[in-house]
Amino acid sequence: AAAAAAARDAAEQAVEDARQQAGEAGKWKEKATALEEEINQLHTEAGRTQQEISRLNLVISGLAEQMTKVREMVRTKGAGAIIDTALEEAGLAKLTEQGSECKKVVFMRLFEDALERVQRLQHLQS
């Protein structure tokens, strides 16, 4: 009788332990599902951000070309020194120079930003 009672107590404890583990597993599953949803939202946001970056790169490129044309037009009118000084003071001279590295600098900043976003995403996934 004592052995049966001990076996019954052990079985009841095993059932209780199993219920607790199942409850914990359910909580982890809910957390994993929430994280997966967040990852999907971040992927969507990253895609939208990349599209916006591409659009802005095109705008920057177009503006740089237009500014270069304006610079050349003003130079042909005899006011090259004035436009050069104005662009330099405004911080736009590199954008209008032939063989400009500015586009590469802009691209590198955007690329580094994208890498940081990927790293944050990977951190959230872990």
Foldseek 3Di string as FASTA:
>chain_A
DVVVVVVVVVVVVVVVVVVVVVVVVVVVVVVLVVLVVVLVVLVVVLVVVVVVLVVVLVVLLVVLVVLLVVLVVCVVVVCNVVSCVVCVVVVNNLSNDVVRCVSVVSVVVVVVVSVVSVVVSVVSVD
